[in-house]
């Protein structure tokens, strides 16, 4: 029997606990505009 898993994740902003959404291939907070640093930065 196959199981299905959700591939969506609910990421939270560390600055304001708002929701982070994908924007131009990076994450951005929909409330305050916070963008997490990339590992290559």
PDB file of N, CA and C in Angstrom:
ATOM      1  N   UNK A   1       0.839  -1.185   0.000  1.00  0.00           N
ATOM      2  CA  UNK A   1       0.000   0.000   0.000  1.00  0.00           C
ATOM      3  C   UNK A   1       0.884   1.249   0.000  1.00  0.00           C
ATOM      4  N   UNK A   2       0.631   2.114  -0.911  1.00  0.00           N
ATOM      5  CA  UNK A   2       1.416   3.342  -1.024  1.00  0.00           C
ATOM      6  C   UNK A   2       0.902   4.386  -0.040  1.00  0.00           C
ATOM      7  N   UNK A   3       1.830   5.171   0.458  1.00  0.00           N
ATOM      8  CA  UNK A   3       1.458   6.277   1.336  1.00  0.00           C
ATOM      9  C   UNK A   3       1.820   7.583   0.652  1.00  0.00           C
ATOM     10  N   UNK A   4       1.081   8.612   0.944  1.00  0.00           N
ATOM     11  CA  UNK A   4       1.396   9.912   0.369  1.00  0.00           C
ATOM     12  C   UNK A   4       1.909  10.821   1.465  1.00  0.00           C
ATOM     13  N   UNK A   5       2.896  11.619   1.110  1.00  0.00           N
ATOM     14  CA  UNK A   5       3.470  12.559   2.051  1.00  0.00           C
ATOM     15  C   UNK A   5       3.376  13.953   1.461  1.00  0.00           C
ATOM     16  N   UNK A   6       3.109  14.897   2.305  1.00  0.00           N
ATOM     17  CA  UNK A   6       3.053  16.283   1.873  1.00  0.00           C
ATOM     18  C   UNK A   6       4.474  16.794   1.658  1.00  0.00           C
ATOM     19  N   UNK A   7       4.707  17.463   0.539  1.00  0.00           N
ATOM     20  CA  UNK A   7       6.040  17.993   0.257  1.00  0.00           C
ATOM     21  C   UNK A   7       6.147  19.471   0.634  1.00  0.00           C
ATOM     22  N   UNK A   8       5.064  20.045   1.144  1.00  0.00           N
ATOM     23  CA  UNK A   8       5.127  21.442   1.552  1.00  0.00           C
ATOM     24  C   UNK A   8       5.584  21.536   2.994  1.00  0.00           C
ATOM     25  N   UNK A   9       6.357  22.564   3.283  1.00  0.00           N
ATOM     26  CA  UNK A   9       6.862  22.794   4.631  1.00  0.00           C
ATOM     27  C   UNK A   9       6.379  24.152   5.097  1.00  0.00           C
ATOM     28  N   UNK A  10       6.131  24.260   6.378  1.00  0.00           N
ATOM     29  CA  UNK A  10       5.691  25.525   6.951  1.00  0.00           C
ATOM     30  C   UNK A  10       6.872  26.162   7.664  1.00  0.00           C
ATOM     31  N   UNK A  11       7.619  26.984   6.948  1.00  0.00           N
ATOM     32  CA  UNK A  11       8.793  27.647   7.522  1.00  0.00           C
ATOM     33  C   UNK A  11       8.348  28.932   8.215  1.00  0.00           C
ATOM     34  N   UNK A  12       8.954  29.221   9.353  1.00  0.00           N
ATOM     35  CA  UNK A  12       8.620  30.418  10.125  1.00  0.00           C
ATOM     36  C   UNK A  12       9.811  31.369  10.183  1.00  0.00           C
ATOM     37  N   UNK A  13       9.529  32.640  10.126  1.00  0.00           N
ATOM     38  CA  UNK A  13      10.550  33.679  10.196  1.00  0.00           C
ATOM     39  C   UNK A  13      11.124  33.750  11.612  1.00  0.00           C
ATOM     40  N   UNK A  14      12.462  33.782  11.749  1.00  0.00           N
ATOM     41  CA  UNK A  14      13.055  33.896  13.086  1.00  0.00           C
ATOM     42  C   UNK A  14      12.942  35.304  13.678  1.00  0.00           C
ATOM     43  N   UNK A  15      12.650  36.299  12.838  1.00  0.00           N
ATOM     44  CA  UNK A  15      12.553  37.683  13.298  1.00  0.00           C
ATOM     45  C   UNK A  15      11.170  38.009  13.864  1.00  0.00           C
ATOM     46  N   UNK A  16      10.112  37.569  13.174  1.00  0.00           N
ATOM     47  CA  UNK A  16       8.759  37.953  13.601  1.00  0.00           C
ATOM     48  C   UNK A  16       7.799  36.769  13.674  1.00  0.00           C
ATOM     49  N   UNK A  17       8.278  35.562  13.446  1.00  0.00           N
ATOM     50  CA  UNK A  17       7.494  34.314  13.429  1.00  0.00           C
ATOM     51  C   UNK A  17       6.413  34.315  12.348  1.00  0.00           C
ATOM     52  N   UNK A  18       6.563  35.185  11.341  1.00  0.00           N
ATOM     53  CA  UNK A  18       5.662  35.173  10.202  1.00  0.00           C
ATOM     54  C   UNK A  18       5.988  33.996   9.297  1.00  0.00           C
ATOM     55  N   UNK A  19       5.223  33.823   8.261  1.00  0.00           N
ATOM     56  CA  UNK A  19       5.398  32.709   7.345  1.00  0.00           C
ATOM     57  C   UNK A  19       6.416  33.051   6.259  1.00  0.00           C
ATOM     58  N   UNK A  20       7.343  32.110   5.994  1.00  0.00           N
ATOM     59  CA  UNK A  20       8.313  32.284   4.914  1.00  0.00           C
ATOM     60  C   UNK A  20       7.785  31.600   3.667  1.00  0.00           C
ATOM     61  N   UNK A  21       7.830  32.282   2.547  1.00  0.00           N
ATOM     62  CA  UNK A  21       7.387  31.724   1.281  1.00  0.00           C
ATOM     63  C   UNK A  21       8.494  31.853   0.247  1.00  0.00           C
ATOM     64  N   UNK A  22       8.469  30.941  -0.722  1.00  0.00           N
ATOM     65  CA  UNK A  22       9.449  30.964  -1.795  1.00  0.00           C
ATOM     66  C   UNK A  22       9.185  32.165  -2.696  1.00  0.00           C
ATOM     67  N   UNK A  23      10.253  32.937  -2.960  1.00  0.00           N
ATOM     68  CA  UNK A  23      10.138  34.131  -3.798  1.00  0.00           C
ATOM     69  C   UNK A  23      11.428  34.260  -4.598  1.00  0.00           C
ATOM     70  N   UNK A  24      11.356  34.095  -5.913  1.00  0.00           N
ATOM     71  CA  UNK A  24      12.529  34.161  -6.793  1.00  0.00           C
ATOM     72  C   UNK A  24      13.628  33.196  -6.343  1.00  0.00           C
ATOM     73  N   UNK A  25      13.263  31.948  -6.104  1.00  0.00           N
ATOM     74  CA  UNK A  25      14.178  30.867  -5.722  1.00  0.00           C
ATOM     75  C   UNK A  25      14.842  31.055  -4.366  1.00  0.00           C
ATOM     76  N   UNK A  26      14.287  31.884  -3.498  1.00  0.00           N
ATOM     77  CA  UNK A  26      14.770  32.011  -2.129  1.00  0.00           C
ATOM     78  C   UNK A  26      13.561  32.223  -1.227  1.00  0.00           C
ATOM     79  N   UNK A  27      13.776  32.128   0.066  1.00  0.00           N
ATOM     80  CA  UNK A  27      12.687  32.315   1.014  1.00  0.00           C
ATOM     81  C   UNK A  27      12.614  33.768   1.445  1.00  0.00           C
ATOM     82  N   UNK A  28      11.395  34.249   1.666  1.00  0.00           N
ATOM     83  CA  UNK A  28      11.186  35.621   2.130  1.00  0.00           C
ATOM     84  C   UNK A  28       9.973  35.640   3.036  1.00  0.00           C
ATOM     85  N   UNK A  29      10.055  36.378   4.148  1.00  0.00           N
ATOM     86  CA  UNK A  29       8.945  36.498   5.082  1.00  0.00           C
ATOM     87  C   UNK A  29       7.859  37.372   4.466  1.00  0.00           C
ATOM     88  N   UNK A  30       6.618  36.893   4.530  1.00  0.00           N
ATOM     89  CA  UNK A  30       5.515  37.658   3.954  1.00  0.00           C
ATOM     90  C   UNK A  30       5.114  38.831   4.843  1.00  0.00           C
ATOM     91  N   UNK A  31       5.534  38.822   6.116  1.00  0.00           N
ATOM     92  CA  UNK A  31       5.156  39.892   7.040  1.00  0.00           C
ATOM     93  C   UNK A  31       6.193  41.019   7.114  1.00  0.00           C
ATOM     94  N   UNK A  32       7.473  40.654   7.331  1.00  0.00           N
ATOM     95  CA  UNK A  32       8.486  41.701   7.546  1.00  0.00           C
ATOM     96  C   UNK A  32       9.516  41.799   6.428  1.00  0.00           C
ATOM     97  N   UNK A  33       9.500  40.858   5.468  1.00  0.00           N
ATOM     98  CA  UNK A  33      10.436  40.915   4.354  1.00  0.00           C
ATOM     99  C   UNK A  33      11.790  40.290   4.638  1.00  0.00           C
ATOM    100  N   UNK A  34      11.955  39.649   5.808  1.00  0.00           N
ATOM    101  CA  UNK A  34      13.212  38.998   6.165  1.00  0.00           C
ATOM    102  C   UNK A  34      13.564  37.919   5.154  1.00  0.00           C
ATOM    103  N   UNK A  35      14.828  37.867   4.738  1.00  0.00           N
ATOM    104  CA  UNK A  35      15.317  36.841   3.824  1.00  0.00           C
ATOM    105  C   UNK A  35      16.492  36.130   4.483  1.00  0.00           C
ATOM    106  N   UNK A  36      16.370  34.810   4.733  1.00  0.00           N
ATOM    107  CA  UNK A  36      17.481  34.078   5.345  1.00  0.00           C
ATOM    108  C   UNK A  36      18.709  34.086   4.438  1.00  0.00           C
ATOM    109  N   UNK A  37      19.890  34.064   5.048  1.00  0.00           N
ATOM    110  CA  UNK A  37      21.144  34.017   4.291  1.00  0.00           C
ATOM    111  C   UNK A  37      21.286  32.646   3.650  1.00  0.00           C
ATOM    112  N   UNK A  38      21.905  32.614   2.503  1.00  0.00           N
ATOM    113  CA  UNK A  38      22.201  31.361   1.817  1.00  0.00           C
ATOM    114  C   UNK A  38      23.504  30.794   2.362  1.00  0.00           C
ATOM    115  N   UNK A  39      23.677  29.500   2.283  1.00  0.00           N
ATOM    116  CA  UNK A  39      24.897  28.857   2.754  1.00  0.00           C
ATOM    117  C   UNK A  39      26.131  29.308   2.009  1.00  0.00           C
ATOM    118  N   UNK A  40      25.964  29.801   0.785  1.00  0.00           N
ATOM    119  CA  UNK A  40      27.110  30.219  -0.021  1.00  0.00           C
ATOM    120  C   UNK A  40      27.483  31.678   0.207  1.00  0.00           C
ATOM    121  N   UNK A  41      26.723  32.397   1.011  1.00  0.00           N
ATOM    122  CA  UNK A  41      27.011  33.810   1.271  1.00  0.00           C
ATOM    123  C   UNK A  41      28.169  33.973   2.211  1.00  0.00           C
TER     124      UNK A  41
END
